[in-house]
Amino acid sequence: MAKAPEAKGAMDSKAGHISVNRAPGKEIAAAEDSRDATRYHHGDLWRMLIVAGREMVALSGPDALSLRAVARRAKVSHNAPYRHFASREALLAAIAAAGFDDLRHALLSAAEHTPEGRLTAMGKAYIRFALDHRPEFQLMFGGSLDKSPYPELRQAAAAAFEALRTTAASGQGTGGDPVRAWALAHGLAHLVADRQLSLEDAFAALDR
């Protein structure tokens, strides 16, 4: 007599139904996602991923960043970043936006603490930021990241420029032209970073 095939599942004698076995990998991933959701508030996880991503960019540059690597650094499941970022580029855009926010704060702080010669102080702050955050600065301005799909990134970049524009419009140096002020600071920052000009000489150029 032929042996009947075994059922793909185990009879639950208490509930009276068959529980079908699930793929172990999917169960583990679901369990990890559940733990992440329990451990971290929605906004906290987003901030953790941004911090971890910025640390990776600072250490190894934008090219080394991946969603899995950021998840490992943030000590969350490899699926966790996808709750906030659809792709690696989306995470890079968020990192760049955070960089522009920091740049804007640095510029405004320099202007606030140096009422006389505010535009010069902002130019020096711009150069310091570029040197202190070189990989992130390259991500922000390098052209490898398309800003058009990311409104938050466009807004952050525009707000940083607006800080320069407002001060330049007050008539302090560069003839009130914000683009000229930006070009001067940006060009000097690259020359110093590329070791073609000393920081002292760059600051002296701004003081003239």
N, C-alpha and C. Protein backbone atom coordinates (compact mmCIF):
# COMPACT_ATOMS: atom_id res chain seq x y z
N MET A 1 0.85 -1.20 0.00
CA MET A 1 0.00 0.00 0.00
C MET A 1 0.89 1.25 0.00
N ALA A 2 0.62 2.20 -0.89
CA ALA A 2 1.46 3.39 -0.99
C ALA A 2 1.28 4.27 0.23
N LYS A 3 2.40 4.86 0.66
CA LYS A 3 2.37 5.74 1.83
C LYS A 3 1.87 7.12 1.43
N ALA A 4 0.92 7.62 2.18
CA ALA A 4 0.35 8.94 1.87
C ALA A 4 1.40 10.01 2.06
N PRO A 5 1.45 11.01 1.17
CA PRO A 5 2.43 12.09 1.31
C PRO A 5 2.19 12.89 2.59
N GLU A 6 3.31 13.34 3.18
CA GLU A 6 3.20 14.11 4.43
C GLU A 6 2.72 15.52 4.12
N ALA A 7 1.91 16.05 4.99
CA ALA A 7 1.41 17.42 4.82
C ALA A 7 2.52 18.41 5.08
N LYS A 8 2.49 19.53 4.35
CA LYS A 8 3.50 20.58 4.51
C LYS A 8 3.10 21.49 5.65
N GLY A 9 3.14 20.97 6.82
CA GLY A 9 2.79 21.77 7.98
C GLY A 9 2.57 20.85 9.16
N ALA A 10 2.33 21.41 10.30
CA ALA A 10 2.12 20.63 11.51
C ALA A 10 0.74 20.95 12.05
N MET A 11 0.04 19.86 12.50
CA MET A 11 -1.29 20.05 13.05
C MET A 11 -1.20 20.66 14.44
N ASP A 12 -1.88 21.75 14.64
CA ASP A 12 -1.96 22.38 15.94
C ASP A 12 -3.14 21.75 16.67
N SER A 13 -2.84 20.86 17.60
CA SER A 13 -3.90 20.09 18.27
C SER A 13 -4.80 20.97 19.10
N LYS A 14 -4.26 22.11 19.60
CA LYS A 14 -5.08 22.98 20.44
C LYS A 14 -6.01 23.83 19.59
N ALA A 15 -5.48 24.38 18.51
CA ALA A 15 -6.31 25.25 17.68
C ALA A 15 -7.08 24.48 16.64
N GLY A 16 -6.63 23.24 16.31
CA GLY A 16 -7.35 22.41 15.35
C GLY A 16 -7.13 22.84 13.92
N HIS A 17 -5.97 23.42 13.59
CA HIS A 17 -5.72 23.82 12.22
C HIS A 17 -4.28 23.52 11.90
N ILE A 18 -3.98 23.62 10.62
CA ILE A 18 -2.62 23.36 10.16
C ILE A 18 -1.87 24.67 10.04
N SER A 19 -0.69 24.76 10.68
CA SER A 19 0.17 25.94 10.55
C SER A 19 1.26 25.62 9.55
N VAL A 20 1.29 26.37 8.44
CA VAL A 20 2.25 26.13 7.37
C VAL A 20 3.59 26.76 7.74
N ASN A 21 4.67 26.03 7.51
CA ASN A 21 6.00 26.54 7.79
C ASN A 21 6.35 27.69 6.87
N ARG A 22 6.97 28.76 7.41
CA ARG A 22 7.40 29.90 6.61
C ARG A 22 8.90 29.83 6.38
N ALA A 23 9.34 30.58 5.37
CA ALA A 23 10.77 30.62 5.08
C ALA A 23 11.50 31.26 6.25
N PRO A 24 12.53 30.61 6.81
CA PRO A 24 13.23 31.13 7.98
C PRO A 24 13.78 32.53 7.76
N GLY A 25 14.33 32.79 6.57
CA GLY A 25 14.92 34.10 6.30
C GLY A 25 13.91 35.22 6.42
N LYS A 26 12.69 35.00 5.90
CA LYS A 26 11.65 36.02 5.96
C LYS A 26 11.19 36.24 7.40
N GLU A 27 11.11 35.13 8.17
CA GLU A 27 10.70 35.27 9.56
C GLU A 27 11.72 36.08 10.36
N ILE A 28 12.99 35.83 10.10
CA ILE A 28 14.04 36.56 10.81
C ILE A 28 13.99 38.04 10.47
N ALA A 29 13.84 38.34 9.16
CA ALA A 29 13.79 39.73 8.73
C ALA A 29 12.59 40.45 9.34
N ALA A 30 11.43 39.76 9.38
CA ALA A 30 10.23 40.35 9.96
C ALA A 30 10.42 40.61 11.44
N ALA A 31 11.07 39.67 12.12
CA ALA A 31 11.33 39.84 13.55
C ALA A 31 12.26 41.01 13.81
N GLU A 32 13.29 41.16 12.95
CA GLU A 32 14.23 42.26 13.11
C GLU A 32 13.54 43.60 12.89
N ASP A 33 12.68 43.67 11.86
CA ASP A 33 11.96 44.90 11.58
C ASP A 33 11.05 45.27 12.75
N SER A 34 10.42 44.24 13.33
CA SER A 34 9.54 44.48 14.46
C SER A 34 10.31 45.04 15.65
N ARG A 35 11.49 44.49 15.89
CA ARG A 35 12.32 44.99 16.99
C ARG A 35 12.75 46.43 16.74
N ASP A 36 13.11 46.73 15.48
CA ASP A 36 13.51 48.10 15.15
C ASP A 36 12.37 49.07 15.42
N ALA A 37 11.15 48.66 15.01
CA ALA A 37 10.00 49.54 15.19
C ALA A 37 9.72 49.77 16.67
N THR A 38 9.98 48.76 17.50
CA THR A 38 9.73 48.88 18.93
C THR A 38 10.81 49.71 19.60
N ARG A 39 12.06 49.53 19.18
CA ARG A 39 13.18 50.19 19.85
C ARG A 39 13.28 51.67 19.51
N TYR A 40 12.90 52.06 18.30
CA TYR A 40 13.15 53.42 17.86
C TYR A 40 11.87 54.10 17.39
N HIS A 41 11.69 55.31 17.88
CA HIS A 41 10.61 56.14 17.36
C HIS A 41 10.89 56.43 15.89
N HIS A 42 9.83 56.66 15.13
CA HIS A 42 9.96 56.87 13.68
C HIS A 42 11.02 57.92 13.34
N GLY A 43 10.93 59.09 13.99
CA GLY A 43 11.89 60.15 13.73
C GLY A 43 13.28 59.84 14.24
N ASP A 44 13.37 59.11 15.36
CA ASP A 44 14.67 58.75 15.91
C ASP A 44 15.44 57.87 14.95
N LEU A 45 14.78 56.90 14.34
CA LEU A 45 15.45 56.02 13.38
C LEU A 45 15.96 56.81 12.19
N TRP A 46 15.16 57.74 11.70
CA TRP A 46 15.58 58.58 10.58
C TRP A 46 16.85 59.34 10.94
N ARG A 47 16.86 59.95 12.14
CA ARG A 47 18.03 60.72 12.56
C ARG A 47 19.25 59.82 12.75
N MET A 48 19.04 58.64 13.30
CA MET A 48 20.15 57.70 13.49
C MET A 48 20.79 57.33 12.16
N LEU A 49 19.97 57.10 11.16
CA LEU A 49 20.49 56.73 9.84
C LEU A 49 21.25 57.88 9.20
N ILE A 50 20.75 59.10 9.38
CA ILE A 50 21.45 60.26 8.84
C ILE A 50 22.81 60.42 9.52
N VAL A 51 22.83 60.29 10.84
CA VAL A 51 24.10 60.43 11.58
C VAL A 51 25.09 59.36 11.13
N ALA A 52 24.62 58.13 11.04
CA ALA A 52 25.50 57.03 10.62
C ALA A 52 26.00 57.26 9.20
N GLY A 53 25.13 57.75 8.32
CA GLY A 53 25.52 58.02 6.95
C GLY A 53 26.55 59.13 6.85
N ARG A 54 26.36 60.18 7.63
CA ARG A 54 27.32 61.28 7.62
C ARG A 54 28.68 60.84 8.16
N GLU A 55 28.66 59.99 9.16
CA GLU A 55 29.93 59.46 9.68
C GLU A 55 30.65 58.65 8.62
N MET A 56 29.91 57.85 7.88
CA MET A 56 30.53 57.04 6.83
C MET A 56 31.09 57.91 5.72
N VAL A 57 30.36 58.94 5.33
CA VAL A 57 30.84 59.84 4.28
C VAL A 57 32.11 60.54 4.75
N ALA A 58 32.13 60.97 6.01
CA ALA A 58 33.32 61.65 6.53
C ALA A 58 34.53 60.74 6.56
N LEU A 59 34.31 59.46 6.84
CA LEU A 59 35.42 58.51 6.97
C LEU A 59 35.91 57.98 5.62
N SER A 60 34.96 57.68 4.73
CA SER A 60 35.33 56.97 3.50
C SER A 60 34.84 57.62 2.21
N GLY A 61 34.10 58.72 2.32
CA GLY A 61 33.59 59.37 1.14
C GLY A 61 32.24 58.82 0.71
N PRO A 62 31.52 59.54 -0.13
CA PRO A 62 30.18 59.13 -0.56
C PRO A 62 30.14 57.79 -1.29
N ASP A 63 31.19 57.47 -2.04
CA ASP A 63 31.17 56.25 -2.85
C ASP A 63 31.11 54.98 -2.00
N ALA A 64 31.57 55.06 -0.76
CA ALA A 64 31.60 53.88 0.10
C ALA A 64 30.27 53.63 0.79
N LEU A 65 29.33 54.55 0.62
CA LEU A 65 28.07 54.44 1.36
C LEU A 65 27.11 53.49 0.68
N SER A 66 26.47 52.65 1.48
CA SER A 66 25.36 51.81 1.02
C SER A 66 24.34 51.73 2.14
N LEU A 67 23.11 51.39 1.81
CA LEU A 67 22.08 51.30 2.84
C LEU A 67 22.39 50.20 3.86
N ARG A 68 22.92 49.09 3.38
CA ARG A 68 23.28 48.00 4.30
C ARG A 68 24.40 48.41 5.24
N ALA A 69 25.40 49.12 4.70
CA ALA A 69 26.52 49.55 5.54
C ALA A 69 26.05 50.55 6.59
N VAL A 70 25.15 51.44 6.21
CA VAL A 70 24.60 52.41 7.16
C VAL A 70 23.80 51.69 8.23
N ALA A 71 23.02 50.68 7.83
CA ALA A 71 22.26 49.91 8.81
C ALA A 71 23.19 49.24 9.82
N ARG A 72 24.29 48.68 9.34
CA ARG A 72 25.25 48.05 10.25
C ARG A 72 25.83 49.07 11.22
N ARG A 73 26.18 50.23 10.71
CA ARG A 73 26.78 51.25 11.57
C ARG A 73 25.77 51.76 12.60
N ALA A 74 24.51 51.89 12.18
CA ALA A 74 23.46 52.34 13.10
C ALA A 74 22.96 51.23 14.01
N LYS A 75 23.42 49.99 13.75
CA LYS A 75 23.04 48.81 14.55
C LYS A 75 21.54 48.55 14.50
N VAL A 76 21.02 48.59 13.27
CA VAL A 76 19.62 48.23 13.03
C VAL A 76 19.59 47.17 11.94
N SER A 77 18.44 46.60 11.69
CA SER A 77 18.33 45.56 10.66
C SER A 77 18.62 46.14 9.29
N HIS A 78 19.05 45.26 8.36
CA HIS A 78 19.41 45.76 7.04
C HIS A 78 18.21 46.29 6.27
N ASN A 79 17.00 45.96 6.70
CA ASN A 79 15.80 46.47 6.04
C ASN A 79 15.36 47.84 6.58
N ALA A 80 15.86 48.21 7.75
CA ALA A 80 15.39 49.42 8.43
C ALA A 80 15.54 50.69 7.58
N PRO A 81 16.64 50.91 6.87
CA PRO A 81 16.77 52.16 6.10
C PRO A 81 15.68 52.35 5.06
N TYR A 82 15.11 51.25 4.55
CA TYR A 82 14.10 51.37 3.50
C TYR A 82 12.79 51.95 4.01
N ARG A 83 12.64 52.07 5.32
CA ARG A 83 11.46 52.72 5.85
C ARG A 83 11.46 54.21 5.55
N HIS A 84 12.66 54.77 5.38
CA HIS A 84 12.79 56.21 5.16
C HIS A 84 13.41 56.56 3.82
N PHE A 85 14.22 55.67 3.25
CA PHE A 85 14.96 55.99 2.04
C PHE A 85 14.76 54.90 1.00
N ALA A 86 14.22 55.29 -0.14
CA ALA A 86 13.93 54.31 -1.17
C ALA A 86 15.18 53.80 -1.87
N SER A 87 16.26 54.57 -1.76
CA SER A 87 17.48 54.20 -2.47
C SER A 87 18.68 54.82 -1.78
N ARG A 88 19.85 54.39 -2.20
CA ARG A 88 21.10 54.97 -1.71
C ARG A 88 21.16 56.47 -2.02
N GLU A 89 20.69 56.84 -3.21
CA GLU A 89 20.72 58.24 -3.61
C GLU A 89 19.82 59.10 -2.71
N ALA A 90 18.71 58.54 -2.28
CA ALA A 90 17.82 59.28 -1.38
C ALA A 90 18.50 59.55 -0.05
N LEU A 91 19.25 58.58 0.44
CA LEU A 91 19.99 58.78 1.69
C LEU A 91 21.09 59.82 1.49
N LEU A 92 21.81 59.75 0.38
CA LEU A 92 22.84 60.74 0.09
C LEU A 92 22.24 62.15 0.00
N ALA A 93 21.04 62.25 -0.58
CA ALA A 93 20.37 63.55 -0.68
C ALA A 93 20.06 64.10 0.71
N ALA A 94 19.62 63.23 1.60
CA ALA A 94 19.31 63.66 2.97
C ALA A 94 20.58 64.09 3.70
N ILE A 95 21.68 63.38 3.46
CA ILE A 95 22.96 63.75 4.06
C ILE A 95 23.42 65.10 3.55
N ALA A 96 23.31 65.32 2.24
CA ALA A 96 23.69 66.60 1.65
C ALA A 96 22.83 67.73 2.20
N ALA A 97 21.53 67.47 2.37
CA ALA A 97 20.63 68.49 2.92
C ALA A 97 21.05 68.86 4.34
N ALA A 98 21.43 67.86 5.13
CA ALA A 98 21.91 68.13 6.48
C ALA A 98 23.19 68.96 6.44
N GLY A 99 24.04 68.69 5.46
CA GLY A 99 25.25 69.47 5.30
C GLY A 99 24.96 70.93 4.97
N PHE A 100 24.00 71.17 4.09
CA PHE A 100 23.63 72.54 3.75
C PHE A 100 23.03 73.26 4.96
N ASP A 101 22.26 72.54 5.77
CA ASP A 101 21.72 73.14 7.00
C ASP A 101 22.86 73.58 7.92
N ASP A 102 23.86 72.72 8.08
CA ASP A 102 25.00 73.07 8.94
C ASP A 102 25.78 74.24 8.36
N LEU A 103 25.94 74.27 7.05
CA LEU A 103 26.64 75.37 6.41
C LEU A 103 25.90 76.68 6.65
N ARG A 104 24.60 76.66 6.49
CA ARG A 104 23.80 77.87 6.72
C ARG A 104 23.97 78.37 8.15
N HIS A 105 23.91 77.46 9.11
CA HIS A 105 24.07 77.85 10.51
C HIS A 105 25.46 78.42 10.76
N ALA A 106 26.48 77.83 10.13
CA ALA A 106 27.84 78.33 10.29
C ALA A 106 27.98 79.74 9.73
N LEU A 107 27.36 79.99 8.59
CA LEU A 107 27.42 81.31 7.98
C LEU A 107 26.70 82.36 8.83
N LEU A 108 25.50 82.02 9.28
CA LEU A 108 24.73 82.96 10.09
C LEU A 108 25.40 83.24 11.43
N SER A 109 25.99 82.20 12.01
CA SER A 109 26.69 82.37 13.29
C SER A 109 27.89 83.30 13.13
N ALA A 110 28.64 83.12 12.04
CA ALA A 110 29.79 83.99 11.79
C ALA A 110 29.37 85.43 11.62
N ALA A 111 28.28 85.66 10.90
CA ALA A 111 27.79 87.02 10.68
C ALA A 111 27.30 87.65 11.98
N GLU A 112 26.65 86.84 12.80
CA GLU A 112 26.10 87.35 14.06
C GLU A 112 27.20 87.80 15.02
N HIS A 113 28.29 87.03 15.04
CA HIS A 113 29.36 87.33 15.99
C HIS A 113 30.38 88.32 15.44
N THR A 114 30.20 88.75 14.20
CA THR A 114 31.11 89.74 13.60
C THR A 114 30.28 90.79 12.87
N PRO A 115 29.65 91.70 13.64
CA PRO A 115 28.78 92.69 13.00
C PRO A 115 29.51 93.52 11.94
N GLU A 116 30.77 93.86 12.23
CA GLU A 116 31.56 94.61 11.24
C GLU A 116 32.25 93.62 10.31
N GLY A 117 32.01 93.77 9.04
CA GLY A 117 32.61 92.85 8.08
C GLY A 117 31.93 91.49 8.08
N ARG A 118 30.61 91.49 8.11
CA ARG A 118 29.87 90.23 8.20
C ARG A 118 30.12 89.32 7.00
N LEU A 119 30.17 89.91 5.81
CA LEU A 119 30.35 89.09 4.61
C LEU A 119 31.72 88.42 4.59
N THR A 120 32.73 89.15 5.06
CA THR A 120 34.07 88.57 5.16
C THR A 120 34.08 87.42 6.16
N ALA A 121 33.40 87.60 7.29
CA ALA A 121 33.32 86.54 8.30
C ALA A 121 32.60 85.32 7.75
N MET A 122 31.57 85.55 6.96
CA MET A 122 30.84 84.44 6.35
C MET A 122 31.71 83.70 5.34
N GLY A 123 32.51 84.45 4.58
CA GLY A 123 33.42 83.82 3.63
C GLY A 123 34.43 82.92 4.33
N LYS A 124 34.96 83.38 5.45
CA LYS A 124 35.91 82.58 6.21
C LYS A 124 35.24 81.34 6.80
N ALA A 125 34.01 81.51 7.26
CA ALA A 125 33.27 80.36 7.80
C ALA A 125 32.99 79.34 6.70
N TYR A 126 32.72 79.83 5.51
CA TYR A 126 32.48 78.95 4.35
C TYR A 126 33.72 78.11 4.07
N ILE A 127 34.88 78.75 4.07
CA ILE A 127 36.13 78.04 3.80
C ILE A 127 36.42 77.01 4.90
N ARG A 128 36.21 77.41 6.14
CA ARG A 128 36.45 76.47 7.25
C ARG A 128 35.54 75.25 7.13
N PHE A 129 34.29 75.51 6.79
CA PHE A 129 33.35 74.39 6.64
C PHE A 129 33.81 73.44 5.54
N ALA A 130 34.25 74.00 4.43
CA ALA A 130 34.69 73.18 3.30
C ALA A 130 35.89 72.32 3.69
N LEU A 131 36.78 72.86 4.50
CA LEU A 131 37.97 72.11 4.91
C LEU A 131 37.64 71.08 5.99
N ASP A 132 36.77 71.45 6.90
CA ASP A 132 36.44 70.54 8.02
C ASP A 132 35.52 69.41 7.61
N HIS A 133 34.79 69.60 6.51
CA HIS A 133 33.81 68.59 6.06
C HIS A 133 34.03 68.30 4.58
N ARG A 134 35.26 68.03 4.22
CA ARG A 134 35.63 67.91 2.81
C ARG A 134 34.80 66.89 2.03
N PRO A 135 34.69 65.62 2.48
CA PRO A 135 33.90 64.66 1.69
C PRO A 135 32.43 65.06 1.56
N GLU A 136 31.85 65.58 2.64
CA GLU A 136 30.45 66.00 2.58
C GLU A 136 30.30 67.23 1.69
N PHE A 137 31.25 68.14 1.75
CA PHE A 137 31.23 69.33 0.91
C PHE A 137 31.27 68.93 -0.57
N GLN A 138 32.08 67.92 -0.89
CA GLN A 138 32.14 67.44 -2.27
C GLN A 138 30.83 66.81 -2.69
N LEU A 139 30.17 66.12 -1.77
CA LEU A 139 28.85 65.56 -2.07
C LEU A 139 27.85 66.68 -2.34
N MET A 140 27.90 67.73 -1.54
CA MET A 140 26.96 68.83 -1.65
C MET A 140 27.11 69.59 -2.96
N PHE A 141 28.36 69.77 -3.41
CA PHE A 141 28.62 70.64 -4.55
C PHE A 141 29.25 69.93 -5.75
N GLY A 142 29.54 68.65 -5.62
CA GLY A 142 30.30 67.97 -6.67
C GLY A 142 29.56 67.70 -7.96
N GLY A 143 28.25 67.75 -7.96
CA GLY A 143 27.49 67.51 -9.18
C GLY A 143 27.13 66.06 -9.42
N SER A 144 27.62 65.14 -8.59
CA SER A 144 27.28 63.73 -8.78
C SER A 144 25.88 63.40 -8.29
N LEU A 145 25.33 64.27 -7.46
CA LEU A 145 23.99 64.05 -6.91
C LEU A 145 23.01 65.02 -7.55
N ASP A 146 22.01 64.46 -8.21
CA ASP A 146 20.98 65.27 -8.87
C ASP A 146 20.00 65.78 -7.82
N LYS A 147 19.91 67.09 -7.68
CA LYS A 147 19.03 67.68 -6.66
C LYS A 147 17.56 67.69 -7.07
N SER A 148 17.29 67.59 -8.36
CA SER A 148 15.92 67.81 -8.84
C SER A 148 14.86 66.88 -8.23
N PRO A 149 15.15 65.60 -7.92
CA PRO A 149 14.09 64.77 -7.34
C PRO A 149 13.89 64.98 -5.84
N TYR A 150 14.70 65.83 -5.22
CA TYR A 150 14.70 65.93 -3.76
C TYR A 150 14.43 67.38 -3.32
N PRO A 151 13.16 67.73 -3.11
CA PRO A 151 12.82 69.11 -2.76
C PRO A 151 13.47 69.58 -1.46
N GLU A 152 13.62 68.68 -0.47
CA GLU A 152 14.25 69.08 0.79
C GLU A 152 15.69 69.50 0.57
N LEU A 153 16.38 68.79 -0.32
CA LEU A 153 17.77 69.14 -0.63
C LEU A 153 17.84 70.48 -1.34
N ARG A 154 16.95 70.70 -2.30
CA ARG A 154 16.94 71.98 -3.02
C ARG A 154 16.66 73.14 -2.07
N GLN A 155 15.73 72.93 -1.15
CA GLN A 155 15.38 73.98 -0.20
C GLN A 155 16.55 74.28 0.74
N ALA A 156 17.24 73.25 1.20
CA ALA A 156 18.37 73.45 2.11
C ALA A 156 19.50 74.20 1.40
N ALA A 157 19.76 73.83 0.15
CA ALA A 157 20.82 74.51 -0.61
C ALA A 157 20.44 75.97 -0.85
N ALA A 158 19.19 76.22 -1.19
CA ALA A 158 18.74 77.59 -1.43
C ALA A 158 18.81 78.43 -0.16
N ALA A 159 18.50 77.83 0.99
CA ALA A 159 18.54 78.56 2.25
C ALA A 159 19.97 78.96 2.61
N ALA A 160 20.93 78.09 2.31
CA ALA A 160 22.34 78.42 2.58
C ALA A 160 22.77 79.59 1.70
N PHE A 161 22.38 79.58 0.44
CA PHE A 161 22.72 80.68 -0.46
C PHE A 161 22.02 81.96 -0.04
N GLU A 162 20.79 81.83 0.45
CA GLU A 162 20.03 83.01 0.87
C GLU A 162 20.74 83.74 2.00
N ALA A 163 21.42 82.98 2.88
CA ALA A 163 22.17 83.62 3.97
C ALA A 163 23.26 84.53 3.40
N LEU A 164 23.94 84.07 2.36
CA LEU A 164 24.95 84.90 1.69
C LEU A 164 24.30 86.06 0.94
N ARG A 165 23.20 85.75 0.26
CA ARG A 165 22.55 86.77 -0.56
C ARG A 165 22.09 87.95 0.28
N THR A 166 21.49 87.67 1.42
CA THR A 166 20.97 88.73 2.28
C THR A 166 22.08 89.65 2.77
N THR A 167 23.20 89.05 3.15
CA THR A 167 24.32 89.85 3.65
C THR A 167 24.97 90.64 2.52
N ALA A 168 25.14 89.99 1.37
CA ALA A 168 25.75 90.69 0.23
C ALA A 168 24.88 91.86 -0.21
N ALA A 169 23.58 91.70 -0.13
CA ALA A 169 22.66 92.77 -0.56
C ALA A 169 22.77 94.00 0.33
N SER A 170 23.31 93.81 1.54
CA SER A 170 23.46 94.96 2.44
C SER A 170 24.59 95.87 2.00
N GLY A 171 25.36 95.44 0.96
CA GLY A 171 26.39 96.29 0.39
C GLY A 171 27.76 96.09 0.97
N GLN A 172 27.95 95.06 1.81
CA GLN A 172 29.25 94.82 2.41
C GLN A 172 30.13 94.01 1.47
N GLY A 173 30.97 94.65 0.73
CA GLY A 173 31.93 93.95 -0.13
C GLY A 173 31.27 93.36 -1.37
N THR A 174 32.08 92.99 -2.35
CA THR A 174 31.69 92.35 -3.62
C THR A 174 30.59 93.11 -4.35
N GLY A 175 30.45 94.40 -4.04
CA GLY A 175 29.48 95.22 -4.77
C GLY A 175 28.05 94.79 -4.60
N GLY A 176 27.74 94.08 -3.53
CA GLY A 176 26.37 93.63 -3.29
C GLY A 176 25.94 92.47 -4.16
N ASP A 177 26.88 91.82 -4.82
CA ASP A 177 26.57 90.69 -5.71
C ASP A 177 26.76 89.38 -4.96
N PRO A 178 25.69 88.64 -4.62
CA PRO A 178 25.82 87.41 -3.85
C PRO A 178 26.55 86.30 -4.61
N VAL A 179 26.35 86.24 -5.92
CA VAL A 179 27.02 85.21 -6.71
C VAL A 179 28.53 85.43 -6.69
N ARG A 180 28.93 86.69 -6.79
CA ARG A 180 30.36 87.00 -6.73
C ARG A 180 30.92 86.63 -5.36
N ALA A 181 30.18 86.91 -4.29
CA ALA A 181 30.63 86.56 -2.94
C ALA A 181 30.77 85.06 -2.79
N TRP A 182 29.78 84.34 -3.29
CA TRP A 182 29.81 82.88 -3.22
C TRP A 182 30.97 82.32 -4.04
N ALA A 183 31.14 82.83 -5.25
CA ALA A 183 32.21 82.35 -6.13
C ALA A 183 33.58 82.57 -5.50
N LEU A 184 33.75 83.72 -4.86
CA LEU A 184 35.04 84.01 -4.23
C LEU A 184 35.32 83.02 -3.09
N ALA A 185 34.36 82.84 -2.20
CA ALA A 185 34.56 81.94 -1.08
C ALA A 185 34.72 80.49 -1.55
N HIS A 186 33.92 80.10 -2.52
CA HIS A 186 33.97 78.72 -3.01
C HIS A 186 35.30 78.44 -3.71
N GLY A 187 35.73 79.38 -4.53
CA GLY A 187 36.99 79.20 -5.23
C GLY A 187 38.17 79.14 -4.28
N LEU A 188 38.19 80.02 -3.29
CA LEU A 188 39.27 80.01 -2.30
C LEU A 188 39.27 78.72 -1.50
N ALA A 189 38.07 78.22 -1.18
CA ALA A 189 37.97 76.96 -0.42
C ALA A 189 38.62 75.82 -1.19
N HIS A 190 38.35 75.74 -2.48
CA HIS A 190 38.94 74.67 -3.29
C HIS A 190 40.45 74.83 -3.42
N LEU A 191 40.91 76.05 -3.57
CA LEU A 191 42.35 76.28 -3.69
C LEU A 191 43.08 75.86 -2.41
N VAL A 192 42.50 76.16 -1.28
CA VAL A 192 43.11 75.76 -0.01
C VAL A 192 43.05 74.25 0.16
N ALA A 193 41.91 73.65 -0.15
CA ALA A 193 41.76 72.19 -0.02
C ALA A 193 42.72 71.44 -0.93
N ASP A 194 42.99 72.01 -2.09
CA ASP A 194 43.90 71.37 -3.05
C ASP A 194 45.36 71.77 -2.82
N ARG A 195 45.60 72.48 -1.74
CA ARG A 195 46.96 72.89 -1.35
C ARG A 195 47.64 73.78 -2.39
N GLN A 196 46.83 74.57 -3.03
CA GLN A 196 47.36 75.56 -3.97
C GLN A 196 47.46 76.93 -3.34
N LEU A 197 46.88 77.07 -2.15
CA LEU A 197 46.85 78.35 -1.45
C LEU A 197 46.78 78.06 0.04
N SER A 198 47.48 78.86 0.82
CA SER A 198 47.42 78.67 2.27
C SER A 198 46.13 79.27 2.82
N LEU A 199 45.72 78.79 3.96
CA LEU A 199 44.52 79.33 4.59
C LEU A 199 44.71 80.80 4.93
N GLU A 200 45.89 81.17 5.37
CA GLU A 200 46.16 82.56 5.71
C GLU A 200 46.01 83.46 4.48
N ASP A 201 46.53 83.00 3.33
CA ASP A 201 46.42 83.80 2.12
C ASP A 201 44.96 83.90 1.66
N ALA A 202 44.21 82.83 1.85
CA ALA A 202 42.80 82.87 1.47
C ALA A 202 42.04 83.87 2.33
N PHE A 203 42.30 83.87 3.62
CA PHE A 203 41.64 84.82 4.52
C PHE A 203 42.07 86.25 4.19
N ALA A 204 43.33 86.41 3.84
CA ALA A 204 43.82 87.73 3.47
C ALA A 204 43.11 88.26 2.23
N ALA A 205 42.83 87.37 1.28
CA ALA A 205 42.12 87.77 0.06
C ALA A 205 40.71 88.24 0.39
N LEU A 206 40.10 87.63 1.38
CA LEU A 206 38.76 88.05 1.78
C LEU A 206 38.79 89.39 2.52
N ASP A 207 39.87 89.65 3.21
CA ASP A 207 39.97 90.89 4.00
C ASP A 207 40.19 92.13 3.13
N ARG A 208 40.59 91.92 1.88
CA ARG A 208 40.89 93.08 1.03
C ARG A 208 39.64 93.81 0.60
